[in-house]
C-alpha cells in the first residue's frame, strides 16, 4: 500500500502558496505552517504524516505563551460557536462527526457546565481530537482531564491539537 500524498505537495510550494494551502491546519494559527516552511520542506513532508510531524515540531518547540495562543484559538466543544454556526469548516465537520451536533438539551447543558469549569481551572478551552469518539467518551474525557495539573493539561491539549492537525492532513490526502 502506498502512502497517500498531499496535493499540492508541500515541498513544491513557495511560502505564500504553502501557507495558503496549509496555514489553516492549526486553528487560526498560520504561524505554525510558516515555521514549518521556514525550516525547509522536502519530499518527506509531502505525506500527511511527514507534514504533520514537521508542523508538530514547530508547535512543540514554541514558547508556552505561543502554545496557549493556539489552544485558545480552538472553540469550545458543543459550545456557543457550534450552536451559532460560527466554527471553521474543519471544526464543524469534526464536531458533527462525533455527534456533537445531536446533543440533547441535557447534554448541551453538561457540555456548557464542563466548558465553564474547565476554562475557569485552566484558562483555555478543552481541546480533544474528537474523530473516532462520540459525545459520551468526550464528556468522560472532559471530566477526567479536569483533574490534571495546568502544565499537564497544556501538554495534553498540545498533543491533541497535533493529533487534530494530522487527522486534518490525512483527510485532505484522501480527497
N, C-alpha and C. Protein backbone atom coordinates (compact mmCIF):
# COMPACT_ATOMS: atom_id res chain seq x y z
N UNK A 1 0.85 -1.18 0.00
CA UNK A 1 0.00 0.00 0.00
C UNK A 1 0.88 1.24 0.00
N UNK A 2 0.61 2.15 -0.90
CA UNK A 2 1.41 3.37 -0.97
C UNK A 2 0.85 4.42 -0.03
N UNK A 3 1.75 5.26 0.47
CA UNK A 3 1.35 6.35 1.34
C UNK A 3 0.71 7.44 0.50
N UNK A 4 -0.47 7.92 0.89
CA UNK A 4 -1.08 8.99 0.11
C UNK A 4 -0.26 10.28 0.25
N UNK A 5 -0.23 11.04 -0.81
CA UNK A 5 0.48 12.31 -0.80
C UNK A 5 -0.51 13.46 -0.77
N UNK A 6 -0.07 14.54 -0.20
CA UNK A 6 -0.88 15.75 -0.17
C UNK A 6 -0.81 16.43 -1.54
N UNK A 7 -1.90 17.08 -1.89
CA UNK A 7 -1.93 17.83 -3.13
C UNK A 7 -2.52 19.20 -2.83
N UNK A 8 -1.78 20.24 -3.13
CA UNK A 8 -0.46 20.25 -3.74
C UNK A 8 0.60 19.77 -2.75
N UNK A 9 1.70 19.31 -3.32
CA UNK A 9 2.78 18.79 -2.49
C UNK A 9 3.49 19.93 -1.76
N UNK A 10 3.57 19.84 -0.44
CA UNK A 10 4.20 20.91 0.33
C UNK A 10 5.62 21.25 -0.12
N UNK A 11 6.41 20.26 -0.48
CA UNK A 11 7.81 20.51 -0.85
C UNK A 11 7.94 21.31 -2.13
N UNK A 12 6.88 21.42 -2.90
CA UNK A 12 6.93 22.11 -4.19
C UNK A 12 6.35 23.52 -4.14
N UNK A 13 5.95 23.96 -2.97
CA UNK A 13 5.27 25.25 -2.84
C UNK A 13 6.20 26.33 -2.30
N UNK A 14 5.99 27.56 -2.77
CA UNK A 14 6.69 28.68 -2.13
C UNK A 14 5.95 29.00 -0.83
N UNK A 15 6.51 29.88 -0.05
CA UNK A 15 5.95 30.19 1.28
C UNK A 15 4.49 30.63 1.19
N UNK A 16 4.19 31.55 0.30
CA UNK A 16 2.83 32.09 0.20
C UNK A 16 1.83 30.99 -0.15
N UNK A 17 2.15 30.18 -1.14
CA UNK A 17 1.26 29.11 -1.55
C UNK A 17 1.12 28.06 -0.46
N UNK A 18 2.23 27.73 0.20
CA UNK A 18 2.18 26.74 1.28
C UNK A 18 1.25 27.21 2.40
N UNK A 19 1.42 28.45 2.83
CA UNK A 19 0.58 28.97 3.92
C UNK A 19 -0.88 29.08 3.46
N UNK A 20 -1.09 29.42 2.20
CA UNK A 20 -2.46 29.49 1.68
C UNK A 20 -3.14 28.12 1.72
N UNK A 21 -2.38 27.05 1.44
CA UNK A 21 -2.96 25.70 1.41
C UNK A 21 -2.98 25.01 2.77
N UNK A 22 -1.99 25.29 3.62
CA UNK A 22 -1.85 24.52 4.86
C UNK A 22 -1.85 25.38 6.13
N UNK A 23 -2.01 26.68 5.97
CA UNK A 23 -1.99 27.57 7.13
C UNK A 23 -3.17 27.42 8.06
N UNK A 24 -4.24 26.79 7.58
CA UNK A 24 -5.44 26.62 8.41
C UNK A 24 -5.49 25.28 9.14
N UNK A 25 -4.46 24.47 8.98
CA UNK A 25 -4.46 23.15 9.63
C UNK A 25 -4.50 23.32 11.16
N UNK A 26 -3.77 24.30 11.65
CA UNK A 26 -3.82 24.65 13.08
C UNK A 26 -4.78 25.83 13.20
N UNK A 27 -5.83 25.63 13.95
CA UNK A 27 -6.94 26.56 14.08
C UNK A 27 -6.47 28.01 14.27
N UNK A 28 -6.74 28.86 13.29
CA UNK A 28 -6.44 30.29 13.36
C UNK A 28 -4.98 30.57 13.75
N UNK A 29 -4.06 29.72 13.32
CA UNK A 29 -2.64 29.84 13.71
C UNK A 29 -1.72 29.55 12.53
N UNK A 30 -1.75 30.38 11.48
CA UNK A 30 -0.92 30.11 10.31
C UNK A 30 0.58 30.18 10.59
N UNK A 31 0.97 30.76 11.71
CA UNK A 31 2.40 30.84 12.04
C UNK A 31 3.02 29.46 12.19
N UNK A 32 2.22 28.45 12.51
CA UNK A 32 2.76 27.08 12.63
C UNK A 32 3.21 26.61 11.25
N UNK A 33 2.36 26.82 10.24
CA UNK A 33 2.74 26.45 8.87
C UNK A 33 3.93 27.27 8.40
N UNK A 34 3.95 28.55 8.71
CA UNK A 34 5.08 29.40 8.33
C UNK A 34 6.38 28.86 8.92
N UNK A 35 6.32 28.46 10.19
CA UNK A 35 7.52 27.92 10.84
C UNK A 35 7.99 26.63 10.20
N UNK A 36 7.05 25.77 9.82
CA UNK A 36 7.43 24.51 9.15
C UNK A 36 8.08 24.81 7.81
N UNK A 37 7.51 25.75 7.05
CA UNK A 37 8.08 26.09 5.75
C UNK A 37 9.49 26.67 5.92
N UNK A 38 9.66 27.54 6.91
CA UNK A 38 10.96 28.17 7.14
C UNK A 38 12.04 27.16 7.49
N UNK A 39 11.67 26.07 8.11
CA UNK A 39 12.64 25.02 8.48
C UNK A 39 13.05 24.19 7.27
N UNK A 40 12.28 24.29 6.22
CA UNK A 40 12.60 23.57 4.99
C UNK A 40 11.75 22.31 4.85
N UNK A 41 11.13 22.18 3.69
CA UNK A 41 10.28 21.04 3.42
C UNK A 41 10.88 20.23 2.27
N UNK A 42 10.93 18.93 2.47
CA UNK A 42 11.45 18.02 1.45
C UNK A 42 10.32 17.09 1.02
N UNK A 43 10.63 16.17 0.13
CA UNK A 43 9.62 15.20 -0.31
C UNK A 43 9.08 14.38 0.86
N UNK A 44 9.86 14.24 1.91
CA UNK A 44 9.40 13.50 3.10
C UNK A 44 8.21 14.20 3.76
N UNK A 45 8.03 15.48 3.47
CA UNK A 45 6.93 16.25 4.06
C UNK A 45 5.70 16.31 3.16
N UNK A 46 5.73 15.56 2.05
CA UNK A 46 4.59 15.56 1.14
C UNK A 46 3.48 14.60 1.56
N UNK A 47 3.74 13.78 2.57
CA UNK A 47 2.72 12.89 3.10
C UNK A 47 2.07 13.54 4.32
N UNK A 48 0.85 13.15 4.65
CA UNK A 48 0.21 13.70 5.85
C UNK A 48 1.07 13.51 7.11
N UNK A 49 1.64 12.32 7.29
CA UNK A 49 2.45 12.07 8.48
C UNK A 49 3.71 12.93 8.49
N UNK A 50 4.34 13.08 7.32
CA UNK A 50 5.55 13.88 7.25
C UNK A 50 5.30 15.34 7.55
N UNK A 51 4.26 15.90 6.95
CA UNK A 51 3.96 17.31 7.20
C UNK A 51 3.45 17.50 8.63
N UNK A 52 2.64 16.57 9.10
CA UNK A 52 2.14 16.67 10.49
C UNK A 52 3.30 16.68 11.46
N UNK A 53 4.30 15.86 11.23
CA UNK A 53 5.47 15.81 12.11
C UNK A 53 6.23 17.14 12.10
N UNK A 54 6.41 17.70 10.91
CA UNK A 54 7.13 18.98 10.80
C UNK A 54 6.38 20.10 11.50
N UNK A 55 5.08 20.12 11.32
CA UNK A 55 4.28 21.18 11.94
C UNK A 55 4.18 20.98 13.45
N UNK A 56 4.07 19.73 13.89
CA UNK A 56 4.02 19.45 15.33
C UNK A 56 5.31 19.88 16.01
N UNK A 57 6.43 19.71 15.34
CA UNK A 57 7.71 20.12 15.92
C UNK A 57 7.73 21.62 16.16
N UNK A 58 7.16 22.39 15.23
CA UNK A 58 7.11 23.85 15.40
C UNK A 58 6.30 24.19 16.64
N UNK A 59 5.13 23.59 16.79
CA UNK A 59 4.28 23.89 17.94
C UNK A 59 4.90 23.38 19.23
N UNK A 60 5.47 22.19 19.19
CA UNK A 60 6.05 21.62 20.41
C UNK A 60 7.23 22.43 20.92
N UNK A 61 7.96 23.07 20.00
CA UNK A 61 9.13 23.87 20.39
C UNK A 61 8.78 25.33 20.63
N UNK A 62 7.54 25.70 20.45
CA UNK A 62 7.10 27.09 20.67
C UNK A 62 7.09 27.40 22.17
N UNK A 63 7.08 28.66 22.47
CA UNK A 63 7.03 29.08 23.88
C UNK A 63 5.68 28.69 24.47
N UNK A 64 5.61 28.57 25.79
CA UNK A 64 4.31 28.28 26.42
C UNK A 64 3.23 29.31 26.04
N UNK A 65 3.63 30.56 25.89
CA UNK A 65 2.67 31.61 25.53
C UNK A 65 2.12 31.37 24.11
N UNK A 66 3.01 31.00 23.17
CA UNK A 66 2.56 30.71 21.81
C UNK A 66 1.66 29.47 21.80
N UNK A 67 2.02 28.48 22.58
CA UNK A 67 1.19 27.28 22.67
C UNK A 67 -0.19 27.62 23.23
N UNK A 68 -0.22 28.44 24.26
CA UNK A 68 -1.51 28.83 24.83
C UNK A 68 -2.36 29.58 23.82
N UNK A 69 -1.74 30.40 22.99
CA UNK A 69 -2.49 31.12 21.95
C UNK A 69 -3.14 30.15 20.98
N UNK A 70 -2.43 29.07 20.62
CA UNK A 70 -3.01 28.07 19.71
C UNK A 70 -4.14 27.33 20.41
N UNK A 71 -3.94 26.97 21.65
CA UNK A 71 -5.01 26.29 22.39
C UNK A 71 -6.25 27.19 22.46
N UNK A 72 -6.02 28.46 22.79
CA UNK A 72 -7.14 29.39 22.94
C UNK A 72 -7.83 29.71 21.62
N UNK A 73 -7.21 29.40 20.50
CA UNK A 73 -7.83 29.61 19.19
C UNK A 73 -8.89 28.56 18.89
N UNK A 74 -8.94 27.51 19.69
CA UNK A 74 -9.90 26.42 19.48
C UNK A 74 -11.24 26.75 20.11
N UNK A 75 -12.32 26.32 19.46
CA UNK A 75 -13.65 26.58 20.01
C UNK A 75 -13.99 25.58 21.11
N UNK A 76 -14.94 25.96 21.94
CA UNK A 76 -15.48 25.01 22.91
C UNK A 76 -16.17 23.89 22.15
N UNK A 77 -16.07 22.67 22.69
CA UNK A 77 -16.81 21.55 22.11
C UNK A 77 -18.28 21.69 22.46
N UNK A 78 -19.12 21.61 21.43
CA UNK A 78 -20.57 21.76 21.60
C UNK A 78 -20.90 23.07 22.30
N UNK A 79 -20.10 24.10 22.05
CA UNK A 79 -20.28 25.39 22.71
C UNK A 79 -21.12 26.35 21.88
N UNK A 80 -21.10 27.61 22.33
CA UNK A 80 -21.93 28.64 21.69
C UNK A 80 -21.58 28.84 20.22
N UNK A 81 -20.29 28.76 19.86
CA UNK A 81 -19.90 28.94 18.46
C UNK A 81 -20.50 27.83 17.59
N UNK A 82 -20.52 26.62 18.12
CA UNK A 82 -21.10 25.50 17.37
C UNK A 82 -22.60 25.70 17.18
N UNK A 83 -23.26 26.09 18.25
CA UNK A 83 -24.71 26.31 18.19
C UNK A 83 -25.04 27.44 17.22
N UNK A 84 -24.20 28.48 17.20
CA UNK A 84 -24.44 29.65 16.33
C UNK A 84 -23.96 29.42 14.90
N UNK A 85 -23.25 28.31 14.65
CA UNK A 85 -22.74 28.04 13.32
C UNK A 85 -21.49 28.84 12.98
N UNK A 86 -20.72 29.23 14.00
CA UNK A 86 -19.54 30.08 13.80
C UNK A 86 -18.22 29.31 13.84
N UNK A 87 -18.23 28.01 13.62
CA UNK A 87 -17.00 27.23 13.63
C UNK A 87 -16.34 27.25 12.25
N UNK A 88 -15.04 26.95 12.21
CA UNK A 88 -14.39 26.75 10.92
C UNK A 88 -15.00 25.50 10.28
N UNK A 89 -14.82 25.35 8.97
CA UNK A 89 -15.37 24.18 8.29
C UNK A 89 -14.84 22.89 8.89
N UNK A 90 -13.51 22.85 9.17
CA UNK A 90 -12.92 21.65 9.76
C UNK A 90 -13.55 21.33 11.11
N UNK A 91 -13.67 22.34 11.98
CA UNK A 91 -14.25 22.10 13.31
C UNK A 91 -15.70 21.66 13.22
N UNK A 92 -16.44 22.23 12.29
CA UNK A 92 -17.84 21.84 12.11
C UNK A 92 -17.94 20.36 11.74
N UNK A 93 -17.14 19.93 10.76
CA UNK A 93 -17.15 18.52 10.34
C UNK A 93 -16.72 17.60 11.47
N UNK A 94 -15.68 18.00 12.21
CA UNK A 94 -15.16 17.15 13.28
C UNK A 94 -16.18 16.99 14.40
N UNK A 95 -16.78 18.11 14.82
CA UNK A 95 -17.76 18.02 15.90
C UNK A 95 -19.00 17.25 15.46
N UNK A 96 -19.44 17.46 14.22
CA UNK A 96 -20.60 16.71 13.72
C UNK A 96 -20.27 15.23 13.61
N UNK A 97 -19.06 14.91 13.20
CA UNK A 97 -18.65 13.51 13.08
C UNK A 97 -18.67 12.77 14.41
N UNK A 98 -18.50 13.52 15.49
CA UNK A 98 -18.55 12.92 16.83
C UNK A 98 -19.96 13.00 17.43
N UNK A 99 -20.91 13.49 16.64
CA UNK A 99 -22.29 13.57 17.11
C UNK A 99 -22.58 14.74 18.03
N UNK A 100 -21.67 15.71 18.08
CA UNK A 100 -21.90 16.83 18.99
C UNK A 100 -23.01 17.75 18.51
N UNK A 101 -23.38 17.64 17.24
CA UNK A 101 -24.50 18.42 16.72
C UNK A 101 -25.84 17.75 17.03
N UNK A 102 -25.80 16.59 17.70
CA UNK A 102 -27.02 15.85 18.04
C UNK A 102 -27.23 15.73 19.54
N UNK A 103 -26.56 16.59 20.31
CA UNK A 103 -26.69 16.54 21.76
C UNK A 103 -28.12 16.87 22.20
N UNK A 104 -28.55 16.19 23.25
CA UNK A 104 -29.82 16.52 23.87
C UNK A 104 -29.64 17.84 24.63
N UNK A 105 -30.72 18.50 24.99
CA UNK A 105 -30.59 19.72 25.81
C UNK A 105 -29.81 19.47 27.10
N UNK A 106 -30.00 18.30 27.70
CA UNK A 106 -29.28 17.96 28.93
C UNK A 106 -27.78 17.82 28.66
N UNK A 107 -27.44 17.18 27.53
CA UNK A 107 -26.02 17.02 27.19
C UNK A 107 -25.39 18.37 26.87
N UNK A 108 -26.12 19.22 26.16
CA UNK A 108 -25.59 20.57 25.89
C UNK A 108 -25.35 21.33 27.18
N UNK A 109 -26.26 21.21 28.13
CA UNK A 109 -26.08 21.88 29.43
C UNK A 109 -24.86 21.31 30.15
N UNK A 110 -24.66 20.01 30.06
CA UNK A 110 -23.48 19.39 30.68
C UNK A 110 -22.20 19.88 30.02
N UNK A 111 -22.19 19.94 28.68
CA UNK A 111 -21.02 20.49 27.98
C UNK A 111 -20.75 21.92 28.42
N UNK A 112 -21.80 22.72 28.54
CA UNK A 112 -21.63 24.11 28.95
C UNK A 112 -21.03 24.20 30.36
N UNK A 113 -21.54 23.38 31.29
CA UNK A 113 -21.00 23.38 32.66
C UNK A 113 -19.53 22.96 32.67
N UNK A 114 -19.23 21.90 31.90
CA UNK A 114 -17.84 21.41 31.85
C UNK A 114 -16.93 22.42 31.16
N UNK A 115 -17.38 23.03 30.08
CA UNK A 115 -16.59 24.06 29.41
C UNK A 115 -16.28 25.19 30.38
N UNK A 116 -17.28 25.63 31.12
CA UNK A 116 -17.08 26.73 32.08
C UNK A 116 -16.10 26.33 33.18
N UNK A 117 -16.28 25.14 33.76
CA UNK A 117 -15.39 24.68 34.84
C UNK A 117 -13.96 24.51 34.33
N UNK A 118 -13.83 23.97 33.14
CA UNK A 118 -12.51 23.73 32.54
C UNK A 118 -11.80 25.05 32.29
N UNK A 119 -12.49 26.00 31.67
CA UNK A 119 -11.86 27.30 31.38
C UNK A 119 -11.53 28.06 32.66
N UNK A 120 -12.34 27.90 33.68
CA UNK A 120 -12.05 28.55 34.96
C UNK A 120 -10.78 27.96 35.56
N UNK A 121 -10.62 26.65 35.46
CA UNK A 121 -9.45 25.97 36.04
C UNK A 121 -8.18 26.21 35.22
N UNK A 122 -8.27 26.12 33.89
CA UNK A 122 -7.06 26.14 33.07
C UNK A 122 -6.86 27.43 32.26
N UNK A 123 -7.89 28.25 32.14
CA UNK A 123 -7.83 29.50 31.38
C UNK A 123 -7.64 29.29 29.88
N UNK A 124 -8.10 28.15 29.39
CA UNK A 124 -8.17 27.87 27.96
C UNK A 124 -9.23 26.80 27.74
N UNK A 125 -9.72 26.67 26.49
CA UNK A 125 -10.78 25.70 26.23
C UNK A 125 -10.28 24.25 26.20
N UNK A 126 -11.16 23.35 26.50
CA UNK A 126 -10.89 21.92 26.41
C UNK A 126 -10.71 21.57 24.94
N UNK A 127 -9.61 20.91 24.60
CA UNK A 127 -9.35 20.52 23.22
C UNK A 127 -9.15 19.01 23.18
N UNK A 128 -9.84 18.38 22.23
CA UNK A 128 -9.72 16.94 22.06
C UNK A 128 -9.92 16.61 20.59
N UNK A 129 -9.08 15.72 20.09
CA UNK A 129 -9.29 15.20 18.73
C UNK A 129 -10.50 14.27 18.81
N UNK A 130 -11.62 14.73 18.30
CA UNK A 130 -12.88 14.01 18.53
C UNK A 130 -13.15 12.91 17.52
N UNK A 131 -12.40 12.86 16.42
CA UNK A 131 -12.65 11.83 15.41
C UNK A 131 -12.50 10.44 16.05
N UNK A 132 -13.47 9.60 15.82
CA UNK A 132 -13.45 8.26 16.40
C UNK A 132 -14.05 8.18 17.80
N UNK A 133 -14.49 9.31 18.32
CA UNK A 133 -15.13 9.35 19.63
C UNK A 133 -16.58 9.79 19.46
N UNK A 134 -17.36 9.56 20.50
CA UNK A 134 -18.73 10.07 20.49
C UNK A 134 -18.88 11.01 21.69
N UNK A 135 -20.03 11.63 21.80
CA UNK A 135 -20.21 12.64 22.85
C UNK A 135 -20.06 12.05 24.25
N UNK A 136 -20.35 10.78 24.40
CA UNK A 136 -20.24 10.16 25.73
C UNK A 136 -18.78 10.00 26.14
N UNK A 137 -17.93 9.54 25.22
CA UNK A 137 -16.50 9.39 25.55
C UNK A 137 -15.84 10.76 25.69
N UNK A 138 -16.32 11.74 24.94
CA UNK A 138 -15.78 13.10 25.06
C UNK A 138 -16.12 13.68 26.43
N UNK A 139 -17.35 13.51 26.85
CA UNK A 139 -17.74 14.00 28.17
C UNK A 139 -16.95 13.32 29.28
N UNK A 140 -16.70 12.02 29.15
CA UNK A 140 -15.90 11.30 30.15
C UNK A 140 -14.47 11.82 30.18
N UNK A 141 -13.89 12.08 29.00
CA UNK A 141 -12.53 12.62 28.95
C UNK A 141 -12.49 14.01 29.57
N UNK A 142 -13.51 14.80 29.29
CA UNK A 142 -13.63 16.14 29.84
C UNK A 142 -13.54 16.08 31.37
N UNK A 143 -14.37 15.24 31.96
CA UNK A 143 -14.41 15.13 33.43
C UNK A 143 -13.08 14.62 33.99
N UNK A 144 -12.48 13.66 33.33
CA UNK A 144 -11.21 13.10 33.77
C UNK A 144 -10.09 14.14 33.72
N UNK A 145 -10.03 14.89 32.62
CA UNK A 145 -8.94 15.84 32.44
C UNK A 145 -9.06 17.06 33.36
N UNK A 146 -10.20 17.30 33.92
CA UNK A 146 -10.34 18.39 34.89
C UNK A 146 -9.45 18.17 36.11
N UNK A 147 -9.01 16.93 36.32
CA UNK A 147 -8.15 16.60 37.46
C UNK A 147 -6.67 16.81 37.18
N UNK A 148 -6.30 17.10 35.92
CA UNK A 148 -4.89 17.30 35.57
C UNK A 148 -4.35 18.60 36.17
N UNK A 149 -3.03 18.67 36.27
CA UNK A 149 -2.40 19.94 36.65
C UNK A 149 -2.43 20.86 35.43
N UNK A 150 -2.31 22.16 35.61
CA UNK A 150 -2.30 23.07 34.45
C UNK A 150 -1.19 22.74 33.44
N UNK A 151 0.01 22.42 33.90
CA UNK A 151 1.09 22.10 32.97
C UNK A 151 0.80 20.80 32.22
N UNK A 152 0.32 19.79 32.94
CA UNK A 152 -0.02 18.53 32.27
C UNK A 152 -1.14 18.74 31.25
N UNK A 153 -2.11 19.56 31.60
CA UNK A 153 -3.23 19.78 30.68
C UNK A 153 -2.81 20.60 29.47
N UNK A 154 -1.89 21.54 29.63
CA UNK A 154 -1.38 22.29 28.47
C UNK A 154 -0.69 21.33 27.51
N UNK A 155 0.14 20.42 28.07
CA UNK A 155 0.81 19.43 27.21
C UNK A 155 -0.19 18.49 26.55
N UNK A 156 -1.20 18.08 27.29
CA UNK A 156 -2.23 17.20 26.71
C UNK A 156 -2.97 17.92 25.59
N UNK A 157 -3.31 19.18 25.81
CA UNK A 157 -4.00 19.95 24.77
C UNK A 157 -3.14 20.08 23.52
N UNK A 158 -1.83 20.32 23.68
CA UNK A 158 -0.93 20.42 22.53
C UNK A 158 -0.87 19.08 21.80
N UNK A 159 -0.77 17.98 22.54
CA UNK A 159 -0.79 16.65 21.91
C UNK A 159 -2.07 16.44 21.11
N UNK A 160 -3.20 16.85 21.67
CA UNK A 160 -4.48 16.70 20.99
C UNK A 160 -4.56 17.59 19.75
N UNK A 161 -4.03 18.80 19.83
CA UNK A 161 -4.02 19.70 18.68
C UNK A 161 -3.15 19.13 17.57
N UNK A 162 -2.00 18.56 17.92
CA UNK A 162 -1.16 17.92 16.91
C UNK A 162 -1.88 16.74 16.28
N UNK A 163 -2.65 16.00 17.06
CA UNK A 163 -3.44 14.89 16.53
C UNK A 163 -4.52 15.40 15.58
N UNK A 164 -5.18 16.49 15.96
CA UNK A 164 -6.20 17.09 15.10
C UNK A 164 -5.57 17.48 13.76
N UNK A 165 -4.40 18.10 13.80
CA UNK A 165 -3.71 18.52 12.58
C UNK A 165 -3.40 17.32 11.69
N UNK A 166 -2.92 16.25 12.29
CA UNK A 166 -2.62 15.05 11.49
C UNK A 166 -3.89 14.50 10.85
N UNK A 167 -4.96 14.44 11.61
CA UNK A 167 -6.23 13.94 11.05
C UNK A 167 -6.73 14.84 9.92
N UNK A 168 -6.57 16.14 10.07
CA UNK A 168 -6.98 17.06 9.01
C UNK A 168 -6.15 16.84 7.75
N UNK A 169 -4.84 16.65 7.92
CA UNK A 169 -3.98 16.41 6.75
C UNK A 169 -4.33 15.08 6.09
N UNK A 170 -4.60 14.05 6.89
CA UNK A 170 -4.99 12.75 6.32
C UNK A 170 -6.28 12.89 5.52
N UNK A 171 -7.23 13.66 6.03
CA UNK A 171 -8.49 13.85 5.32
C UNK A 171 -8.26 14.57 3.99
N UNK A 172 -7.34 15.53 3.97
CA UNK A 172 -7.05 16.25 2.73
C UNK A 172 -6.40 15.32 1.71
N UNK A 173 -5.56 14.41 2.16
CA UNK A 173 -4.90 13.49 1.23
C UNK A 173 -5.89 12.51 0.63
N UNK A 174 -6.98 12.25 1.33
CA UNK A 174 -7.98 11.30 0.85
C UNK A 174 -8.94 11.91 -0.16
N UNK A 175 -8.96 13.23 -0.26
CA UNK A 175 -9.90 13.91 -1.17
C UNK A 175 -9.49 13.76 -2.60
